[in-house]
Amino acid sequence: MPGKARPRSHGGYRAAAWAGVAALALLACDPSTAAAPRGSAATAAVAGGPGTGPLLVYEQKEGDNQDLYVVPVAGGIARRLTDHPASDGLPRFTPDGRAVVYSSDRDGHFQLWQVPIEGGEPRRLRKNSFTEWQADVSPDGRALAYLSNEGGPEGLWRMDLASGTTRRMVLHGNRSILGNPDWSPDGRRLTFSSNWRVGHQIWVADATSGEAERISGVSEGGCEPRFHPDGKRVVYVRRGLLSEKSRLLEHDLESGEKRVLVDWPAMNYDPVYSPDGSEIAFASNITGEWVVYRQRLADGKSWRVSFGKGPARYPDYQPR
């Protein structure tokens, strides 16, 4: 899924249900379809078990089915979090780390769901006839940012989780494709991607007024942005037109300077910082199949996270 990462981003998605949307995403920035594989790692503990520490959640596809998995950041055996014939993807932890918000077409079209980190029966966050996905919960747990085509064109919306009231924050052109909204650590801004006017670009918006500013250069573009824990930087995907390679760039919001974090000779997508900012997790097809990796920023050392059959993508760290 470009900005759309995987049904997104950011992404890429699978199955006939994602088909139409995913196609648009690909045109924007995504390499495949914002889809992710599933996996079962090979180390010591079962994800979520005693003493396993913080978790990573990601989406993984096996055959025609895509579900969510969690695995200890320190290594362990992945645990399947959702189990449904539909496509479940684009997971984001809630700020308290106790649940995961995700997108699923299990009721016929993409809507927003939430599942406890221990597993169990998912809860639908909204119920309507619109396509709604790619959500992120605000740091204070009070609001949800998400994409919706309510009213026609896709826009960036905000919902108050206590009252259920909603309002559209950003609306670009009638044919614009947005993607991957992400809250800043202080909850005052939202970053997202949009292909409005000049191809997929990275934007930062005021979370109250919705006033947005493009931060990526017209000639470079980008998708799948995520804030650094310090709120001063944003990491995103930079891919040349029709290129079979993409880089992960870190953009300093104050100076405008950019630093390459990952430049593997492959498609590299779905970057996200760890809670302490010392590393990133991302997906790459460097082996020929989408796999989730972690990479330490101090020295560039990387580790494979997802294993098993099928492509895996769209990781997110459990908050500490």
C-alpha atoms as a PDB file:
ATOM      1  CA  MET A   1       0.000   0.000   0.000  1.00  0.00           C
ATOM      2  CA  PRO A   2       1.388   3.123  -0.928  1.00  0.00           C
ATOM      3  CA  GLY A   3       0.117   5.532   1.226  1.00  0.00           C
ATOM      4  CA  LYS A   4      -2.180   2.781   1.345  1.00  0.00           C
ATOM      5  CA  ALA A   5      -0.249   0.367   2.762  1.00  0.00           C
ATOM      6  CA  ARG A   6      -1.713  -2.779   2.636  1.00  0.00           C
ATOM      7  CA  PRO A   7      -5.182  -3.231   1.806  1.00  0.00           C
ATOM      8  CA  ARG A   8      -2.245  -0.382   2.909  1.00  0.00           C
ATOM      9  CA  SER A   9       0.902   1.278   2.679  1.00  0.00           C
ATOM     10  CA  HIS A  10       1.989   0.992   2.893  1.00  0.00           C
ATOM     11  CA  GLY A  11       1.224  -1.050   1.745  1.00  0.00           C
ATOM     12  CA  GLY A  12      -0.264  -4.011  -0.234  1.00  0.00           C
ATOM     13  CA  TYR A  13      -3.185  -6.318   0.212  1.00  0.00           C
ATOM     14  CA  ARG A  14      -4.448  -9.608  -0.822  1.00  0.00           C
ATOM     15  CA  ALA A  15      -7.546 -11.362  -1.890  1.00  0.00           C
ATOM     16  CA  ALA A  16     -10.276 -10.188  -4.164  1.00  0.00           C
ATOM     17  CA  ALA A  17     -11.658  -7.976  -1.467  1.00  0.00           C
ATOM     18  CA  TRP A  18      -8.530  -5.860  -1.413  1.00  0.00           C
ATOM     19  CA  ALA A  19      -8.091  -6.111  -5.143  1.00  0.00           C
ATOM     20  CA  GLY A  20      -9.586  -2.812  -6.294  1.00  0.00           C
ATOM     21  CA  VAL A  21      -8.114  -0.734  -3.521  1.00  0.00           C
ATOM     22  CA  ALA A  22      -4.783  -2.469  -3.614  1.00  0.00           C
ATOM     23  CA  ALA A  23      -4.450  -1.740  -7.313  1.00  0.00           C
ATOM     24  CA  LEU A  24      -4.758   1.970  -6.607  1.00  0.00           C
ATOM     25  CA  ALA A  25      -2.256   1.676  -3.812  1.00  0.00           C
ATOM     26  CA  LEU A  26       0.297   0.132  -6.083  1.00  0.00           C
ATOM     27  CA  LEU A  27       0.018   2.969  -8.510  1.00  0.00           C
ATOM     28  CA  ALA A  28       0.914   5.289  -5.686  1.00  0.00           C
ATOM     29  CA  CYS A  29       3.916   3.874  -3.875  1.00  0.00           C
ATOM     30  CA  ASP A  30       3.358   0.310  -2.737  1.00  0.00           C
ATOM     31  CA  PRO A  31       5.179  -2.577  -4.348  1.00  0.00           C
ATOM     32  CA  SER A  32       2.734  -5.375  -4.080  1.00  0.00           C
ATOM     33  CA  THR A  33      -0.437  -4.713  -2.364  1.00  0.00           C
ATOM     34  CA  ALA A  34       0.055  -3.882   1.221  1.00  0.00           C
ATOM     35  CA  ALA A  35      -0.304  -7.439   2.171  1.00  0.00           C
ATOM     36  CA  ALA A  36       1.618  -9.264   4.774  1.00  0.00           C
ATOM     37  CA  PRO A  37       2.497 -12.817   5.439  1.00  0.00           C
ATOM     38  CA  ARG A  38       2.320 -14.797   8.552  1.00  0.00           C
ATOM     39  CA  GLY A  39       4.984 -16.588  10.362  1.00  0.00           C
ATOM     40  CA  SER A  40       6.184 -18.664  13.203  1.00  0.00           C
ATOM     41  CA  ALA A  41       9.559 -17.683  14.525  1.00  0.00           C
ATOM     42  CA  ALA A  42      12.115 -20.093  15.831  1.00  0.00           C
ATOM     43  CA  THR A  43      13.370 -19.381  19.291  1.00  0.00           C
ATOM     44  CA  ALA A  44      12.387 -19.811  22.822  1.00  0.00           C
ATOM     45  CA  ALA A  45       9.041 -18.603  24.049  1.00  0.00           C
ATOM     46  CA  VAL A  46       5.506 -18.342  22.753  1.00  0.00           C
ATOM     47  CA  ALA A  47       4.529 -14.739  22.063  1.00  0.00           C
ATOM     48  CA  GLY A  48       2.775 -13.213  24.999  1.00  0.00           C
ATOM     49  CA  GLY A  49       3.995 -15.863  27.428  1.00  0.00           C
ATOM     50  CA  PRO A  50       5.690 -15.171  30.769  1.00  0.00           C
ATOM     51  CA  GLY A  51       8.885 -13.186  30.548  1.00  0.00           C
ATOM     52  CA  THR A  52       8.754 -12.703  26.799  1.00  0.00           C
ATOM     53  CA  GLY A  53       8.916  -8.916  27.015  1.00  0.00           C
ATOM     54  CA  PRO A  54       7.420  -6.468  24.489  1.00  0.00           C
ATOM     55  CA  LEU A  55       5.877  -7.791  21.304  1.00  0.00           C
ATOM     56  CA  LEU A  56       5.816  -7.075  17.599  1.00  0.00           C
ATOM     57  CA  VAL A  57       2.569  -7.505  15.703  1.00  0.00           C
ATOM     58  CA  TYR A  58       2.505  -8.024  11.941  1.00  0.00           C
ATOM     59  CA  GLU A  59       0.272  -9.400   9.229  1.00  0.00           C
ATOM     60  CA  GLN A  60       1.090 -12.574   7.377  1.00  0.00           C
ATOM     61  CA  LYS A  61      -0.554 -14.396   4.504  1.00  0.00           C
ATOM     62  CA  GLU A  62      -0.679 -18.129   4.051  1.00  0.00           C
ATOM     63  CA  GLY A  63      -2.461 -19.334   0.940  1.00  0.00           C
ATOM     64  CA  ASP A  64      -5.420 -17.012   0.430  1.00  0.00           C
ATOM     65  CA  ASN A  65      -5.825 -16.149   4.093  1.00  0.00           C
ATOM     66  CA  GLN A  66      -4.200 -13.210   5.887  1.00  0.00           C
ATOM     67  CA  ASP A  67      -4.123 -12.882   9.657  1.00  0.00           C
ATOM     68  CA  LEU A  68      -2.303 -11.071  12.445  1.00  0.00           C
ATOM     69  CA  TYR A  69       0.573 -12.557  14.452  1.00  0.00           C
ATOM     70  CA  VAL A  70       2.531 -11.416  17.495  1.00  0.00           C
ATOM     71  CA  VAL A  71       6.075 -12.393  18.411  1.00  0.00           C
ATOM     72  CA  PRO A  72       8.424 -11.257  21.227  1.00  0.00           C
ATOM     73  CA  VAL A  73      10.782  -8.522  20.103  1.00  0.00           C
ATOM     74  CA  ALA A  74      13.580 -10.466  21.763  1.00  0.00           C
ATOM     75  CA  GLY A  75      12.767 -13.536  19.679  1.00  0.00           C
ATOM     76  CA  GLY A  76      10.369 -16.409  20.112  1.00  0.00           C
ATOM     77  CA  ILE A  77       7.627 -18.403  18.474  1.00  0.00           C
ATOM     78  CA  ALA A  78       4.971 -16.307  16.769  1.00  0.00           C
ATOM     79  CA  ARG A  79       1.412 -16.595  18.014  1.00  0.00           C
ATOM     80  CA  ARG A  80      -1.552 -16.197  15.703  1.00  0.00           C
ATOM     81  CA  LEU A  81      -3.763 -13.369  16.952  1.00  0.00           C
ATOM     82  CA  THR A  82      -6.657 -13.530  14.469  1.00  0.00           C
ATOM     83  CA  ASP A  83      -8.092 -16.513  12.643  1.00  0.00           C
ATOM     84  CA  HIS A  84     -10.679 -15.711   9.987  1.00  0.00           C
ATOM     85  CA  PRO A  85     -11.090 -16.527   6.269  1.00  0.00           C
ATOM     86  CA  ALA A  86     -11.184 -12.797   5.537  1.00  0.00           C
ATOM     87  CA  SER A  87      -8.167 -10.507   5.236  1.00  0.00           C
ATOM     88  CA  ASP A  88      -6.951  -9.032   8.528  1.00  0.00           C
ATOM     89  CA  GLY A  89      -4.127  -6.524   8.267  1.00  0.00           C
ATOM     90  CA  LEU A  90      -2.593  -3.107   8.935  1.00  0.00           C
ATOM     91  CA  PRO A  91      -2.263  -3.678  12.690  1.00  0.00           C
ATOM     92  CA  ARG A  92      -1.482  -0.928  15.200  1.00  0.00           C
ATOM     93  CA  PHE A  93      -1.128  -1.368  18.937  1.00  0.00           C
ATOM     94  CA  THR A  94      -3.306   0.745  21.198  1.00  0.00           C
ATOM     95  CA  PRO A  95      -1.272   3.154  23.402  1.00  0.00           C
ATOM     96  CA  ASP A  96      -1.632   0.901  26.455  1.00  0.00           C
ATOM     97  CA  GLY A  97      -0.327  -2.088  24.470  1.00  0.00           C
ATOM     98  CA  ARG A  98      -3.291  -4.220  25.514  1.00  0.00           C
ATOM     99  CA  ALA A  99      -5.010  -4.477  22.134  1.00  0.00           C
ATOM    100  CA  VAL A 100      -4.458  -4.171  18.397  1.00  0.00           C
ATOM    101  CA  VAL A 101      -6.581  -2.105  16.011  1.00  0.00           C
ATOM    102  CA  TYR A 102      -6.663  -3.447  12.485  1.00  0.00           C
ATOM    103  CA  SER A 103      -8.519  -3.474   9.169  1.00  0.00           C
ATOM    104  CA  SER A 104     -10.624  -6.440   8.027  1.00  0.00           C
ATOM    105  CA  ASP A 105     -13.130  -7.226   5.309  1.00  0.00           C
ATOM    106  CA  ARG A 106     -14.744 -10.036   7.313  1.00  0.00           C
ATOM    107  CA  ASP A 107     -18.176  -8.429   6.936  1.00  0.00           C
ATOM    108  CA  GLY A 108     -17.885  -7.897   3.204  1.00  0.00           C
ATOM    109  CA  HIS A 109     -15.967  -4.593   3.075  1.00  0.00           C
ATOM    110  CA  PHE A 110     -13.093  -3.099   5.003  1.00  0.00           C
ATOM    111  CA  GLN A 111     -13.933  -1.819   8.445  1.00  0.00           C
ATOM    112  CA  LEU A 112     -12.028  -1.200  11.674  1.00  0.00           C
ATOM    113  CA  TRP A 113     -11.710  -3.848  14.363  1.00  0.00           C
ATOM    114  CA  GLN A 114      -9.918  -4.317  17.655  1.00  0.00           C
ATOM    115  CA  VAL A 115      -8.680  -7.508  19.304  1.00  0.00           C
ATOM    116  CA  PRO A 116      -7.115  -8.007  22.783  1.00  0.00           C
ATOM    117  CA  ILE A 117      -3.430  -8.881  22.727  1.00  0.00           C
ATOM    118  CA  GLU A 118      -4.270 -12.152  24.477  1.00  0.00           C
ATOM    119  CA  GLY A 119      -6.564 -13.009  21.570  1.00  0.00           C
ATOM    120  CA  GLY A 120     -10.265 -13.691  21.720  1.00  0.00           C
ATOM    121  CA  GLU A 121     -13.331 -12.246  20.031  1.00  0.00           C
ATOM    122  CA  PRO A 122     -12.570  -9.122  17.964  1.00  0.00           C
ATOM    123  CA  ARG A 123     -14.733  -6.033  18.433  1.00  0.00           C
ATOM    124  CA  ARG A 124     -15.882  -3.912  15.517  1.00  0.00           C
ATOM    125  CA  LEU A 125     -15.129  -0.229  16.139  1.00  0.00           C
ATOM    126  CA  ARG A 126     -17.491   1.195  13.516  1.00  0.00           C
ATOM    127  CA  LYS A 127     -20.287  -0.262  11.433  1.00  0.00           C
ATOM    128  CA  ASN A 128     -21.384   1.349   8.182  1.00  0.00           C
ATOM    129  CA  SER A 129     -21.343   0.849   4.423  1.00  0.00           C
ATOM    130  CA  PHE A 130     -18.143   2.805   3.799  1.00  0.00           C
ATOM    131  CA  THR A 131     -14.613   1.534   3.257  1.00  0.00           C
ATOM    132  CA  GLU A 132     -12.740   2.425   6.441  1.00  0.00           C
ATOM    133  CA  TRP A 133      -9.248   1.237   7.293  1.00  0.00           C
ATOM    134  CA  GLN A 134      -5.669   2.166   8.132  1.00  0.00           C
ATOM    135  CA  ALA A 135      -6.317   3.405  11.644  1.00  0.00           C
ATOM    136  CA  ASP A 136      -4.115   4.672  14.472  1.00  0.00           C
ATOM    137  CA  VAL A 137      -5.144   5.466  18.068  1.00  0.00           C
ATOM    138  CA  SER A 138      -3.968   8.777  19.544  1.00  0.00           C
ATOM    139  CA  PRO A 139      -1.284   8.629  22.281  1.00  0.00           C
ATOM    140  CA  ASP A 140      -3.848   9.546  24.964  1.00  0.00           C
ATOM    141  CA  GLY A 141      -6.187   6.789  23.767  1.00  0.00           C
ATOM    142  CA  ARG A 142      -9.051   9.209  23.194  1.00  0.00           C
ATOM    143  CA  ALA A 143      -9.189   9.498  19.403  1.00  0.00           C
ATOM    144  CA  LEU A 144      -8.874   7.354  16.327  1.00  0.00           C
ATOM    145  CA  ALA A 145      -7.402   8.579  13.041  1.00  0.00           C
ATOM    146  CA  TYR A 146      -8.459   6.552  10.019  1.00  0.00           C
ATOM    147  CA  LEU A 147      -9.200   6.650   6.295  1.00  0.00           C
ATOM    148  CA  SER A 148     -12.776   6.598   5.046  1.00  0.00           C
ATOM    149  CA  ASN A 149     -14.666   7.252   1.822  1.00  0.00           C
ATOM    150  CA  GLU A 150     -17.685   8.552   3.718  1.00  0.00           C
ATOM    151  CA  GLY A 151     -19.101  11.389   1.673  1.00  0.00           C
ATOM    152  CA  GLY A 152     -17.422  10.195  -1.529  1.00  0.00           C
ATOM    153  CA  PRO A 153     -13.651  10.738  -1.913  1.00  0.00           C
ATOM    154  CA  GLU A 154     -11.308   9.101   0.554  1.00  0.00           C
ATOM    155  CA  GLY A 155     -10.259  11.386   3.363  1.00  0.00           C
ATOM    156  CA  LEU A 156      -8.487  11.399   6.712  1.00  0.00           C
ATOM    157  CA  TRP A 157     -11.013  11.266   9.551  1.00  0.00           C
ATOM    158  CA  ARG A 158     -10.905  11.540  13.327  1.00  0.00           C
ATOM    159  CA  MET A 159     -13.260   9.841  15.765  1.00  0.00           C
ATOM    160  CA  ASP A 160     -13.713  10.559  19.463  1.00  0.00           C
ATOM    161  CA  LEU A 161     -13.640   7.092  21.023  1.00  0.00           C
ATOM    162  CA  ALA A 162     -15.785   8.053  24.018  1.00  0.00           C
ATOM    163  CA  SER A 163     -18.668   9.688  22.137  1.00  0.00           C
ATOM    164  CA  GLY A 164     -18.251   8.120  18.701  1.00  0.00           C
ATOM    165  CA  THR A 165     -18.479  11.523  17.014  1.00  0.00           C
ATOM    166  CA  THR A 166     -16.460  11.904  13.823  1.00  0.00           C
ATOM    167  CA  ARG A 167     -15.167  14.659  11.603  1.00  0.00           C
ATOM    168  CA  ARG A 168     -13.144  14.759   8.447  1.00  0.00           C
ATOM    169  CA  MET A 169      -9.705  16.261   8.979  1.00  0.00           C
ATOM    170  CA  VAL A 170      -8.202  16.225   5.475  1.00  0.00           C
ATOM    171  CA  LEU A 171      -9.784  15.962   2.046  1.00  0.00           C
ATOM    172  CA  HIS A 172      -7.662  16.272  -1.061  1.00  0.00           C
ATOM    173  CA  GLY A 173      -8.890  15.771  -4.631  1.00  0.00           C
ATOM    174  CA  ASN A 174     -11.825  13.576  -5.638  1.00  0.00           C
ATOM    175  CA  ARG A 175      -9.427  10.935  -6.937  1.00  0.00           C
ATOM    176  CA  SER A 176      -6.767  11.249  -4.263  1.00  0.00           C
ATOM    177  CA  ILE A 177      -5.437   8.177  -2.479  1.00  0.00           C
ATOM    178  CA  LEU A 178      -4.335   8.694   1.104  1.00  0.00           C
ATOM    179  CA  GLY A 179      -2.457   6.299   3.337  1.00  0.00           C
ATOM    180  CA  ASN A 180      -1.021   5.314   6.687  1.00  0.00           C
ATOM    181  CA  PRO A 181      -2.030   8.001   9.175  1.00  0.00           C
ATOM    182  CA  ASP A 182       0.218   8.124  12.250  1.00  0.00           C
ATOM    183  CA  TRP A 183      -0.021  10.323  15.360  1.00  0.00           C
ATOM    184  CA  SER A 184       2.914  12.305  16.687  1.00  0.00           C
ATOM    185  CA  PRO A 185       3.956  11.321  20.238  1.00  0.00           C
ATOM    186  CA  ASP A 186       2.382  14.490  21.685  1.00  0.00           C
ATOM    187  CA  GLY A 187      -0.884  13.928  19.809  1.00  0.00           C
ATOM    188  CA  ARG A 188      -0.755  17.332  18.136  1.00  0.00           C
ATOM    189  CA  ARG A 189       0.027  16.218  14.581  1.00  0.00           C
ATOM    190  CA  LEU A 190      -0.736  13.467  12.113  1.00  0.00           C
ATOM    191  CA  THR A 191       1.500  12.329   9.290  1.00  0.00           C
ATOM    192  CA  PHE A 192       0.118  10.530   6.247  1.00  0.00           C
ATOM    193  CA  SER A 193       0.717  10.126   2.538  1.00  0.00           C
ATOM    194  CA  SER A 194      -1.340  11.407  -0.370  1.00  0.00           C
ATOM    195  CA  ASN A 195      -1.018  11.374  -4.146  1.00  0.00           C
ATOM    196  CA  TRP A 196      -2.812  14.709  -4.495  1.00  0.00           C
ATOM    197  CA  ARG A 197      -1.612  16.661  -7.520  1.00  0.00           C
ATOM    198  CA  VAL A 198       2.059  15.584  -7.588  1.00  0.00           C
ATOM    199  CA  GLY A 199       2.128  11.854  -6.909  1.00  0.00           C
ATOM    200  CA  HIS A 200       2.456  10.164  -3.538  1.00  0.00           C
ATOM    201  CA  GLN A 201       4.000  12.529  -1.008  1.00  0.00           C
ATOM    202  CA  ILE A 202       4.429  12.792   2.756  1.00  0.00           C
ATOM    203  CA  TRP A 203       2.240  15.244   4.649  1.00  0.00           C
ATOM    204  CA  VAL A 204       2.007  16.448   8.255  1.00  0.00           C
ATOM    205  CA  ALA A 205      -1.290  17.864   9.517  1.00  0.00           C
ATOM    206  CA  ASP A 206      -2.408  19.674  12.639  1.00  0.00           C
ATOM    207  CA  ALA A 207      -4.508  17.114  14.527  1.00  0.00           C
ATOM    208  CA  THR A 208      -7.040  19.778  15.556  1.00  0.00           C
ATOM    209  CA  SER A 209      -7.485  21.993  12.516  1.00  0.00           C
ATOM    210  CA  GLY A 210      -6.535  19.487   9.836  1.00  0.00           C
ATOM    211  CA  GLU A 211      -4.297  22.051   8.162  1.00  0.00           C
ATOM    212  CA  ALA A 212      -1.670  20.020   6.312  1.00  0.00           C
ATOM    213  CA  GLU A 213       1.781  20.682   4.886  1.00  0.00           C
ATOM    214  CA  ARG A 214       3.735  18.548   2.428  1.00  0.00           C
ATOM    215  CA  ILE A 215       7.231  17.718   3.727  1.00  0.00           C
ATOM    216  CA  SER A 216       8.614  15.551   0.902  1.00  0.00           C
ATOM    217  CA  GLY A 217      10.128  17.082  -2.199  1.00  0.00           C
ATOM    218  CA  VAL A 218       8.047  17.068  -5.372  1.00  0.00           C
ATOM    219  CA  SER A 219      10.711  15.107  -7.221  1.00  0.00           C
ATOM    220  CA  GLU A 220      11.163  12.449  -4.529  1.00  0.00           C
ATOM    221  CA  GLY A 221       7.742  11.444  -3.188  1.00  0.00           C
ATOM    222  CA  GLY A 222       7.136   8.907  -0.465  1.00  0.00           C
ATOM    223  CA  CYS A 223       4.650   6.786   1.464  1.00  0.00           C
ATOM    224  CA  GLU A 224       4.110   4.906   4.762  1.00  0.00           C
ATOM    225  CA  PRO A 225       5.324   7.629   7.159  1.00  0.00           C
ATOM    226  CA  ARG A 226       5.795   7.039  10.901  1.00  0.00           C
ATOM    227  CA  PHE A 227       6.872   9.499  13.594  1.00  0.00           C
ATOM    228  CA  HIS A 228      10.042   8.998  15.630  1.00  0.00           C
ATOM    229  CA  PRO A 229       9.414   8.756  19.413  1.00  0.00           C
ATOM    230  CA  ASP A 230      10.929  12.240  19.800  1.00  0.00           C
ATOM    231  CA  GLY A 231       8.346  13.697  17.412  1.00  0.00           C
ATOM    232  CA  LYS A 232      11.066  15.556  15.513  1.00  0.00           C
ATOM    233  CA  ARG A 233      11.601  13.037  12.726  1.00  0.00           C
ATOM    234  CA  VAL A 234       9.550  10.936  10.326  1.00  0.00           C
ATOM    235  CA  VAL A 235      10.632   7.751   8.577  1.00  0.00           C
ATOM    236  CA  TYR A 236       9.049   6.825   5.257  1.00  0.00           C
ATOM    237  CA  VAL A 237       9.459   4.836   2.040  1.00  0.00           C
ATOM    238  CA  ARG A 238      11.107   6.422  -0.977  1.00  0.00           C
ATOM    239  CA  ARG A 239      10.692   4.532  -4.225  1.00  0.00           C
ATOM    240  CA  GLY A 240      11.588   5.692  -7.715  1.00  0.00           C
ATOM    241  CA  LEU A 241       9.043   5.407 -10.502  1.00  0.00           C
ATOM    242  CA  LEU A 242       8.589   1.730 -11.419  1.00  0.00           C
ATOM    243  CA  SER A 243      11.794   0.918  -9.570  1.00  0.00           C
ATOM    244  CA  GLU A 244      12.267  -2.554  -8.097  1.00  0.00           C
ATOM    245  CA  LYS A 245      14.055  -1.019  -5.150  1.00  0.00           C
ATOM    246  CA  SER A 246      12.982   1.333  -2.373  1.00  0.00           C
ATOM    247  CA  ARG A 247      14.832   3.049   0.455  1.00  0.00           C
ATOM    248  CA  LEU A 248      13.746   3.952   3.956  1.00  0.00           C
ATOM    249  CA  LEU A 249      14.485   7.590   4.720  1.00  0.00           C
ATOM    250  CA  GLU A 250      14.460   9.538   7.972  1.00  0.00           C
ATOM    251  CA  HIS A 251      13.331  13.147   7.561  1.00  0.00           C
ATOM    252  CA  ASP A 252      14.222  15.769  10.177  1.00  0.00           C
ATOM    253  CA  LEU A 253      11.165  18.043  10.476  1.00  0.00           C
ATOM    254  CA  GLU A 254      13.160  21.023  11.736  1.00  0.00           C
ATOM    255  CA  SER A 255      16.146  21.037   9.396  1.00  0.00           C
ATOM    256  CA  GLY A 256      14.636  19.173   6.457  1.00  0.00           C
ATOM    257  CA  GLU A 257      17.716  16.961   6.328  1.00  0.00           C
ATOM    258  CA  LYS A 258      17.267  13.332   5.270  1.00  0.00           C
ATOM    259  CA  ARG A 259      19.183  10.224   6.272  1.00  0.00           C
ATOM    260  CA  VAL A 260      18.998   6.818   4.587  1.00  0.00           C
ATOM    261  CA  LEU A 261      18.231   4.108   7.155  1.00  0.00           C
ATOM    262  CA  VAL A 262      17.814   1.121   4.826  1.00  0.00           C
ATOM    263  CA  ASP A 263      19.142   0.835   1.291  1.00  0.00           C
ATOM    264  CA  TRP A 264      18.987  -2.887   0.602  1.00  0.00           C
ATOM    265  CA  PRO A 265      18.795  -3.878  -3.099  1.00  0.00           C
ATOM    266  CA  ALA A 266      15.124  -4.819  -2.724  1.00  0.00           C
ATOM    267  CA  MET A 267      11.675  -3.497  -1.963  1.00  0.00           C
ATOM    268  CA  ASN A 268      11.834  -2.180   1.609  1.00  0.00           C
ATOM    269  CA  TYR A 269       8.540  -1.045   3.146  1.00  0.00           C
ATOM    270  CA  ASP A 270       6.492  -0.582   6.334  1.00  0.00           C
ATOM    271  CA  PRO A 271       9.074   1.124   8.595  1.00  0.00           C
ATOM    272  CA  VAL A 272       8.288   1.787  12.261  1.00  0.00           C
ATOM    273  CA  TYR A 273      10.504   2.946  15.125  1.00  0.00           C
ATOM    274  CA  SER A 274      10.869   0.996  18.337  1.00  0.00           C
ATOM    275  CA  PRO A 275       9.488   2.794  21.444  1.00  0.00           C
ATOM    276  CA  ASP A 276      12.979   3.978  22.423  1.00  0.00           C
ATOM    277  CA  GLY A 277      13.937   4.948  18.869  1.00  0.00           C
ATOM    278  CA  SER A 278      17.018   2.727  18.850  1.00  0.00           C
ATOM    279  CA  GLU A 279      15.851   0.527  15.977  1.00  0.00           C
ATOM    280  CA  ILE A 280      13.237   0.105  13.285  1.00  0.00           C
ATOM    281  CA  ALA A 281      11.171  -2.828  12.105  1.00  0.00           C
ATOM    282  CA  PHE A 282      10.239  -3.096   8.441  1.00  0.00           C
ATOM    283  CA  ALA A 283       9.396  -5.546   5.675  1.00  0.00           C
ATOM    284  CA  SER A 284      11.669  -6.421   2.753  1.00  0.00           C
ATOM    285  CA  ASN A 285      11.596  -8.872  -0.128  1.00  0.00           C
ATOM    286  CA  ILE A 286      15.400  -9.150  -0.146  1.00  0.00           C
ATOM    287  CA  THR A 287      15.063 -12.965  -0.032  1.00  0.00           C
ATOM    288  CA  GLY A 288      12.422 -13.027  -2.761  1.00  0.00           C
ATOM    289  CA  GLU A 289       9.535 -13.142  -0.285  1.00  0.00           C
ATOM    290  CA  TRP A 290       8.240 -10.491   2.089  1.00  0.00           C
ATOM    291  CA  VAL A 291       9.836 -10.912   5.511  1.00  0.00           C
ATOM    292  CA  VAL A 292       9.754  -8.692   8.620  1.00  0.00           C
ATOM    293  CA  TYR A 293      13.121  -7.527   9.966  1.00  0.00           C
ATOM    294  CA  ARG A 294      14.464  -5.416  12.818  1.00  0.00           C
ATOM    295  CA  GLN A 295      17.472  -3.176  12.329  1.00  0.00           C
ATOM    296  CA  ARG A 296      19.526  -1.395  14.981  1.00  0.00           C
ATOM    297  CA  LEU A 297      20.143   2.198  13.948  1.00  0.00           C
ATOM    298  CA  ALA A 298      23.480   2.612  15.728  1.00  0.00           C
ATOM    299  CA  ASP A 299      25.342   0.088  13.580  1.00  0.00           C
ATOM    300  CA  GLY A 300      22.862  -1.178  10.976  1.00  0.00           C
ATOM    301  CA  LYS A 301      22.795  -4.719  12.354  1.00  0.00           C
ATOM    302  CA  SER A 302      19.583  -6.508  11.359  1.00  0.00           C
ATOM    303  CA  TRP A 303      17.607  -9.569  12.462  1.00  0.00           C
ATOM    304  CA  ARG A 304      14.887 -11.567  10.782  1.00  0.00           C
ATOM    305  CA  VAL A 305      11.600 -11.564  12.714  1.00  0.00           C
ATOM    306  CA  SER A 306       9.010 -13.493  10.683  1.00  0.00           C
ATOM    307  CA  PHE A 307       9.349 -17.084   9.547  1.00  0.00           C
ATOM    308  CA  GLY A 308       7.048 -19.717   8.119  1.00  0.00           C
ATOM    309  CA  LYS A 309       5.106 -19.934   4.900  1.00  0.00           C
ATOM    310  CA  GLY A 310       3.805 -16.832   3.235  1.00  0.00           C
ATOM    311  CA  PRO A 311       4.743 -13.163   3.052  1.00  0.00           C
ATOM    312  CA  ALA A 312       4.777 -11.027   6.204  1.00  0.00           C
ATOM    313  CA  ARG A 313       4.459  -7.249   6.431  1.00  0.00           C
ATOM    314  CA  TYR A 314       3.388  -4.199   8.368  1.00  0.00           C
ATOM    315  CA  PRO A 315       5.052  -4.620  11.789  1.00  0.00           C
ATOM    316  CA  ASP A 316       4.265  -2.510  14.840  1.00  0.00           C
ATOM    317  CA  TYR A 317       5.981  -2.416  18.250  1.00  0.00           C
ATOM    318  CA  GLN A 318       4.047  -2.847  21.467  1.00  0.00           C
ATOM    319  CA  PRO A 319       4.323   0.369  23.547  1.00  0.00           C
ATOM    320  CA  ARG A 320       6.292   0.087  26.775  1.00  0.00           C
END
